[in-house]
Each structure stands twice: as structure tokens, then as C-alpha cells.
């Protein structure tokens, strides 16, 4: 457990650091338009973040002690396939969740 003095030193420092990071981008640009190359690059940010968040849970899930699980790999592939084919986020999520649920129920 962290002691109270350390907590109250670290917490404001983290808050100020987070504010500075956000302000450095939003505050300095203000209402100025972004360059074309930056706008194009920012389009792919959301597309890159979701796989980065999901990949550790698929490849090294805590539920299996970090061992790769065929059910989770299959569910990820089904999710990807349904998403690419239908272009439906909710359809992909539901198909992947259903696949994971069914395979985990079958394999125990």
C-alpha cells in the first residue's frame, strides 16, 4: 500500500503531466487548421488503438495464465472477418462474442 504523503505528491504531478500533454496539442493548435499530412495520419489512430488494446487479451489472456487459447484466436478471426465483410462494428462484436462464448462452452 502506498503511504499518504507519496500519494499526494504523485497524484497532482500526474494530473499536471496529463494536462500538459493534452494542452501541448490542443492549446497550441487552437483553431488553426491541421496540415494535410497530419490529418491523414490521424485518421488511422482509432484503427490502430483498438487492435493494440485487444491483442494482449487474445494472444496472452490472463484467464489461461498467459497461454494462447484457440477459442480466443478463433473468436478474434471471426470478429475480423465479419467486420471486414459486413463493415458493421456491432455485427463483428456480436459474432466474435458469440463465437468465444460457444467455443468456451464446448471446450470447457
N, C-alpha and C. Protein backbone atom coordinates (compact mmCIF):
# COMPACT_ATOMS: atom_id res chain seq x y z
N UNK A 1 0.84 -1.18 0.00
CA UNK A 1 0.00 0.00 0.00
C UNK A 1 0.88 1.24 0.00
N UNK A 2 0.47 2.23 -0.74
CA UNK A 2 1.24 3.48 -0.84
C UNK A 2 0.90 4.37 0.36
N UNK A 3 1.91 5.04 0.89
CA UNK A 3 1.60 5.93 2.03
C UNK A 3 0.98 7.23 1.52
N UNK A 4 0.32 7.94 2.41
CA UNK A 4 -0.47 9.12 2.02
C UNK A 4 0.39 10.24 1.47
N UNK A 5 1.57 10.44 2.03
CA UNK A 5 2.43 11.53 1.55
C UNK A 5 2.85 11.28 0.10
N UNK A 6 3.27 10.07 -0.21
CA UNK A 6 3.66 9.75 -1.58
C UNK A 6 2.48 9.89 -2.53
N UNK A 7 1.31 9.44 -2.10
CA UNK A 7 0.12 9.56 -2.93
C UNK A 7 -0.17 11.01 -3.28
N UNK A 8 -0.12 11.90 -2.29
CA UNK A 8 -0.47 13.29 -2.53
C UNK A 8 0.64 14.06 -3.23
N UNK A 9 1.79 13.48 -3.36
CA UNK A 9 2.84 14.08 -4.19
C UNK A 9 2.70 13.60 -5.63
N UNK A 10 2.45 12.32 -5.78
CA UNK A 10 2.38 11.73 -7.12
C UNK A 10 1.10 12.13 -7.85
N UNK A 11 -0.03 12.16 -7.17
CA UNK A 11 -1.31 12.42 -7.84
C UNK A 11 -1.35 13.79 -8.52
N UNK A 12 -1.01 14.89 -7.86
CA UNK A 12 -1.01 16.18 -8.58
C UNK A 12 0.03 16.23 -9.69
N UNK A 13 1.16 15.56 -9.50
CA UNK A 13 2.17 15.54 -10.56
C UNK A 13 1.64 14.84 -11.80
N UNK A 14 0.94 13.73 -11.60
CA UNK A 14 0.34 13.03 -12.74
C UNK A 14 -0.75 13.87 -13.40
N UNK A 15 -1.55 14.55 -12.59
CA UNK A 15 -2.61 15.40 -13.14
C UNK A 15 -2.03 16.52 -13.98
N UNK A 16 -0.99 17.17 -13.48
CA UNK A 16 -0.36 18.25 -14.24
C UNK A 16 0.31 17.73 -15.50
N UNK A 17 0.93 16.57 -15.40
CA UNK A 17 1.55 15.98 -16.58
C UNK A 17 0.54 15.64 -17.67
N UNK A 18 -0.58 15.07 -17.25
CA UNK A 18 -1.64 14.74 -18.22
C UNK A 18 -2.20 16.01 -18.86
N UNK A 19 -2.42 17.03 -18.04
CA UNK A 19 -2.93 18.30 -18.57
C UNK A 19 -1.92 18.90 -19.55
N UNK A 20 -0.64 18.86 -19.22
CA UNK A 20 0.38 19.44 -20.09
C UNK A 20 0.45 18.71 -21.42
N UNK A 21 0.33 17.39 -21.39
CA UNK A 21 0.36 16.63 -22.64
C UNK A 21 -0.82 17.01 -23.53
N UNK A 22 -2.00 17.09 -22.94
CA UNK A 22 -3.18 17.44 -23.75
C UNK A 22 -3.13 18.88 -24.22
N UNK A 23 -2.70 19.79 -23.36
CA UNK A 23 -2.64 21.20 -23.74
C UNK A 23 -1.60 21.44 -24.81
N UNK A 24 -0.51 20.66 -24.77
CA UNK A 24 0.54 20.87 -25.77
C UNK A 24 0.01 20.66 -27.19
N UNK A 25 -0.98 19.79 -27.32
CA UNK A 25 -1.54 19.56 -28.65
C UNK A 25 -2.74 20.47 -28.91
N UNK A 26 -3.71 20.46 -28.01
CA UNK A 26 -4.94 21.21 -28.23
C UNK A 26 -4.76 22.71 -28.04
N UNK A 27 -4.04 23.11 -27.03
CA UNK A 27 -3.89 24.53 -26.73
C UNK A 27 -3.01 25.26 -27.72
N UNK A 28 -1.99 24.60 -28.20
CA UNK A 28 -1.10 25.29 -29.13
C UNK A 28 -1.70 25.40 -30.54
N UNK A 29 -2.51 24.43 -30.92
CA UNK A 29 -3.11 24.49 -32.25
C UNK A 29 -4.32 25.41 -32.30
N UNK A 30 -5.13 25.38 -31.25
CA UNK A 30 -6.31 26.23 -31.20
C UNK A 30 -7.23 26.00 -32.37
N UNK A 31 -7.56 27.05 -33.06
CA UNK A 31 -8.49 26.98 -34.18
C UNK A 31 -7.77 26.90 -35.52
N UNK A 32 -6.46 26.75 -35.49
CA UNK A 32 -5.71 26.67 -36.74
C UNK A 32 -5.95 25.32 -37.41
N UNK A 33 -6.02 25.29 -38.72
CA UNK A 33 -6.22 24.00 -39.41
C UNK A 33 -4.94 23.16 -39.33
N UNK A 34 -5.14 21.86 -39.28
CA UNK A 34 -4.02 20.93 -39.25
C UNK A 34 -3.46 20.74 -40.65
N UNK A 35 -2.19 20.47 -40.76
CA UNK A 35 -1.62 20.17 -42.09
C UNK A 35 -2.24 18.89 -42.66
N UNK A 36 -2.28 18.79 -43.95
CA UNK A 36 -2.90 17.64 -44.61
C UNK A 36 -2.28 16.31 -44.23
N UNK A 37 -0.95 16.27 -44.11
CA UNK A 37 -0.27 15.02 -43.77
C UNK A 37 -0.65 14.56 -42.37
N UNK A 38 -0.84 15.51 -41.44
CA UNK A 38 -1.22 15.14 -40.08
C UNK A 38 -2.67 14.68 -40.02
N UNK A 39 -3.54 15.33 -40.77
CA UNK A 39 -4.94 14.91 -40.82
C UNK A 39 -5.07 13.49 -41.36
N UNK A 40 -4.31 13.18 -42.41
CA UNK A 40 -4.33 11.82 -42.96
C UNK A 40 -3.83 10.81 -41.95
N UNK A 41 -2.78 11.15 -41.22
CA UNK A 41 -2.22 10.22 -40.24
C UNK A 41 -3.18 10.02 -39.06
N UNK A 42 -3.86 11.06 -38.64
CA UNK A 42 -4.77 10.96 -37.50
C UNK A 42 -6.01 10.11 -37.81
N UNK A 43 -6.33 9.94 -39.07
CA UNK A 43 -7.47 9.10 -39.45
C UNK A 43 -7.27 7.66 -38.99
N UNK A 44 -6.04 7.21 -38.92
CA UNK A 44 -5.74 5.82 -38.60
C UNK A 44 -5.51 5.58 -37.11
N UNK A 45 -5.62 6.61 -36.30
CA UNK A 45 -5.36 6.45 -34.87
C UNK A 45 -6.34 5.48 -34.22
N UNK A 46 -7.63 5.67 -34.43
CA UNK A 46 -8.63 4.78 -33.83
C UNK A 46 -8.49 3.36 -34.34
N UNK A 47 -8.16 3.22 -35.61
CA UNK A 47 -8.00 1.89 -36.20
C UNK A 47 -6.79 1.18 -35.59
N UNK A 48 -5.78 1.90 -35.18
CA UNK A 48 -4.59 1.30 -34.60
C UNK A 48 -4.75 1.03 -33.10
N UNK A 49 -5.53 1.85 -32.41
CA UNK A 49 -5.66 1.72 -30.96
C UNK A 49 -6.44 0.47 -30.58
N UNK A 50 -7.53 0.19 -31.26
CA UNK A 50 -8.36 -0.96 -30.89
C UNK A 50 -7.60 -2.29 -30.98
N UNK A 51 -6.91 -2.58 -32.07
CA UNK A 51 -6.13 -3.82 -32.08
C UNK A 51 -5.03 -3.85 -31.01
N UNK A 52 -4.45 -2.70 -30.71
CA UNK A 52 -3.42 -2.65 -29.68
C UNK A 52 -4.00 -2.98 -28.30
N UNK A 53 -5.24 -2.62 -28.07
CA UNK A 53 -5.88 -2.94 -26.80
C UNK A 53 -6.33 -4.40 -26.73
N UNK A 54 -6.75 -4.95 -27.87
CA UNK A 54 -7.31 -6.29 -27.90
C UNK A 54 -6.24 -7.37 -28.00
N UNK A 55 -5.16 -7.11 -28.70
CA UNK A 55 -4.14 -8.14 -28.97
C UNK A 55 -3.61 -8.84 -27.71
N UNK A 56 -3.26 -8.15 -26.64
CA UNK A 56 -2.78 -8.88 -25.46
C UNK A 56 -3.82 -9.82 -24.87
N UNK A 57 -5.09 -9.44 -24.91
CA UNK A 57 -6.14 -10.30 -24.40
C UNK A 57 -6.39 -11.52 -25.26
N UNK A 58 -6.02 -11.44 -26.52
CA UNK A 58 -6.19 -12.58 -27.43
C UNK A 58 -4.96 -13.48 -27.39
N UNK A 59 -3.79 -12.89 -27.43
CA UNK A 59 -2.56 -13.67 -27.51
C UNK A 59 -2.05 -14.18 -26.16
N UNK A 60 -2.22 -13.37 -25.11
CA UNK A 60 -1.73 -13.75 -23.78
C UNK A 60 -2.81 -13.50 -22.73
N UNK A 61 -3.95 -14.19 -22.82
CA UNK A 61 -5.06 -13.90 -21.90
C UNK A 61 -4.74 -14.30 -20.46
N UNK A 62 -5.15 -13.45 -19.53
CA UNK A 62 -4.94 -13.74 -18.11
C UNK A 62 -5.76 -14.95 -17.67
N UNK A 63 -6.88 -15.19 -18.33
CA UNK A 63 -7.76 -16.31 -17.94
C UNK A 63 -7.09 -17.66 -18.14
N UNK A 64 -6.11 -17.73 -19.03
CA UNK A 64 -5.42 -19.01 -19.26
C UNK A 64 -3.99 -18.97 -18.75
N UNK A 65 -3.68 -18.01 -17.92
CA UNK A 65 -2.32 -17.91 -17.40
C UNK A 65 -1.31 -17.44 -18.41
N UNK A 66 -1.75 -16.72 -19.41
CA UNK A 66 -0.85 -16.20 -20.43
C UNK A 66 -0.62 -17.13 -21.60
N UNK A 67 -1.27 -18.27 -21.60
CA UNK A 67 -1.13 -19.22 -22.71
C UNK A 67 -2.13 -18.87 -23.81
N UNK A 68 -1.69 -18.94 -25.06
CA UNK A 68 -2.58 -18.66 -26.18
C UNK A 68 -3.68 -19.71 -26.23
N UNK A 69 -4.91 -19.25 -26.43
CA UNK A 69 -6.09 -20.10 -26.39
C UNK A 69 -6.72 -20.17 -27.78
N UNK A 70 -6.95 -21.36 -28.33
CA UNK A 70 -7.56 -21.46 -29.66
C UNK A 70 -8.94 -20.82 -29.74
N UNK A 71 -9.71 -20.86 -28.66
CA UNK A 71 -11.04 -20.25 -28.69
C UNK A 71 -10.95 -18.74 -28.88
N UNK A 72 -10.02 -18.12 -28.21
CA UNK A 72 -9.87 -16.66 -28.33
C UNK A 72 -9.30 -16.27 -29.70
N UNK A 73 -8.39 -17.08 -30.21
CA UNK A 73 -7.88 -16.81 -31.56
C UNK A 73 -8.98 -16.94 -32.60
N UNK A 74 -9.80 -17.99 -32.49
CA UNK A 74 -10.90 -18.18 -33.44
C UNK A 74 -11.90 -17.04 -33.34
N UNK A 75 -12.21 -16.61 -32.12
CA UNK A 75 -13.16 -15.50 -31.95
C UNK A 75 -12.60 -14.22 -32.55
N UNK A 76 -11.30 -13.99 -32.40
CA UNK A 76 -10.69 -12.80 -32.99
C UNK A 76 -10.74 -12.86 -34.51
N UNK A 77 -10.48 -14.02 -35.08
CA UNK A 77 -10.54 -14.17 -36.53
C UNK A 77 -11.96 -14.00 -37.07
N UNK A 78 -12.94 -14.55 -36.36
CA UNK A 78 -14.35 -14.37 -36.76
C UNK A 78 -14.73 -12.89 -36.68
N UNK A 79 -14.32 -12.23 -35.61
CA UNK A 79 -14.61 -10.81 -35.47
C UNK A 79 -14.01 -10.01 -36.62
N UNK A 80 -12.76 -10.28 -36.93
CA UNK A 80 -12.10 -9.59 -38.02
C UNK A 80 -12.79 -9.87 -39.35
N UNK A 81 -13.10 -11.13 -39.60
CA UNK A 81 -13.76 -11.49 -40.86
C UNK A 81 -15.12 -10.86 -41.02
N UNK A 82 -15.93 -10.91 -39.98
CA UNK A 82 -17.27 -10.31 -40.06
C UNK A 82 -17.15 -8.79 -40.22
N UNK A 83 -16.21 -8.19 -39.53
CA UNK A 83 -16.03 -6.74 -39.66
C UNK A 83 -15.61 -6.32 -41.05
N UNK A 84 -14.70 -7.07 -41.65
CA UNK A 84 -14.23 -6.74 -42.99
C UNK A 84 -15.33 -6.97 -44.02
N UNK A 85 -16.05 -8.07 -43.89
CA UNK A 85 -17.07 -8.40 -44.89
C UNK A 85 -18.30 -7.49 -44.78
N UNK A 86 -18.81 -7.29 -43.56
CA UNK A 86 -20.06 -6.55 -43.40
C UNK A 86 -19.87 -5.07 -43.13
N UNK A 87 -18.67 -4.66 -42.71
CA UNK A 87 -18.41 -3.26 -42.32
C UNK A 87 -19.31 -2.83 -41.17
N UNK A 88 -19.71 -3.77 -40.34
CA UNK A 88 -20.59 -3.50 -39.21
C UNK A 88 -19.83 -3.77 -37.91
N UNK A 89 -19.62 -2.72 -37.14
CA UNK A 89 -18.92 -2.87 -35.87
C UNK A 89 -19.70 -3.75 -34.91
N UNK A 90 -20.99 -3.47 -34.76
CA UNK A 90 -21.80 -4.26 -33.83
C UNK A 90 -21.93 -5.70 -34.30
N UNK A 91 -22.05 -5.91 -35.59
CA UNK A 91 -22.10 -7.28 -36.11
C UNK A 91 -20.83 -8.04 -35.81
N UNK A 92 -19.68 -7.37 -35.96
CA UNK A 92 -18.41 -8.02 -35.68
C UNK A 92 -18.27 -8.34 -34.20
N UNK A 93 -18.67 -7.41 -33.34
CA UNK A 93 -18.58 -7.63 -31.89
C UNK A 93 -19.48 -8.78 -31.47
N UNK A 94 -20.70 -8.79 -31.97
CA UNK A 94 -21.64 -9.86 -31.61
C UNK A 94 -21.18 -11.22 -32.14
N UNK A 95 -20.68 -11.24 -33.37
CA UNK A 95 -20.20 -12.51 -33.94
C UNK A 95 -18.99 -13.03 -33.17
N UNK A 96 -18.05 -12.16 -32.85
CA UNK A 96 -16.88 -12.57 -32.08
C UNK A 96 -17.24 -13.01 -30.68
N UNK A 97 -18.12 -12.25 -30.02
CA UNK A 97 -18.55 -12.64 -28.67
C UNK A 97 -19.29 -13.95 -28.66
N UNK A 98 -20.16 -14.15 -29.65
CA UNK A 98 -20.89 -15.41 -29.76
C UNK A 98 -19.96 -16.58 -30.01
N UNK A 99 -18.97 -16.37 -30.87
CA UNK A 99 -18.00 -17.42 -31.16
C UNK A 99 -17.21 -17.78 -29.92
N UNK A 100 -16.75 -16.76 -29.20
CA UNK A 100 -15.98 -17.03 -27.97
C UNK A 100 -16.82 -17.77 -26.95
N UNK A 101 -18.04 -17.32 -26.75
CA UNK A 101 -18.93 -17.96 -25.79
C UNK A 101 -19.17 -19.42 -26.18
N UNK A 102 -19.46 -19.66 -27.45
CA UNK A 102 -19.76 -21.03 -27.90
C UNK A 102 -18.53 -21.94 -27.78
N UNK A 103 -17.38 -21.45 -28.19
CA UNK A 103 -16.18 -22.29 -28.13
C UNK A 103 -15.74 -22.56 -26.70
N UNK A 104 -15.87 -21.58 -25.82
CA UNK A 104 -15.52 -21.83 -24.42
C UNK A 104 -16.50 -22.79 -23.77
N UNK A 105 -17.78 -22.74 -24.18
CA UNK A 105 -18.77 -23.69 -23.65
C UNK A 105 -18.49 -25.10 -24.16
N UNK A 106 -18.04 -25.20 -25.41
CA UNK A 106 -17.75 -26.51 -25.97
C UNK A 106 -16.47 -27.13 -25.41
N UNK A 107 -15.47 -26.32 -25.21
CA UNK A 107 -14.18 -26.85 -24.78
C UNK A 107 -14.04 -26.89 -23.26
N UNK A 108 -14.93 -26.21 -22.55
CA UNK A 108 -14.91 -26.26 -21.10
C UNK A 108 -13.97 -25.31 -20.56
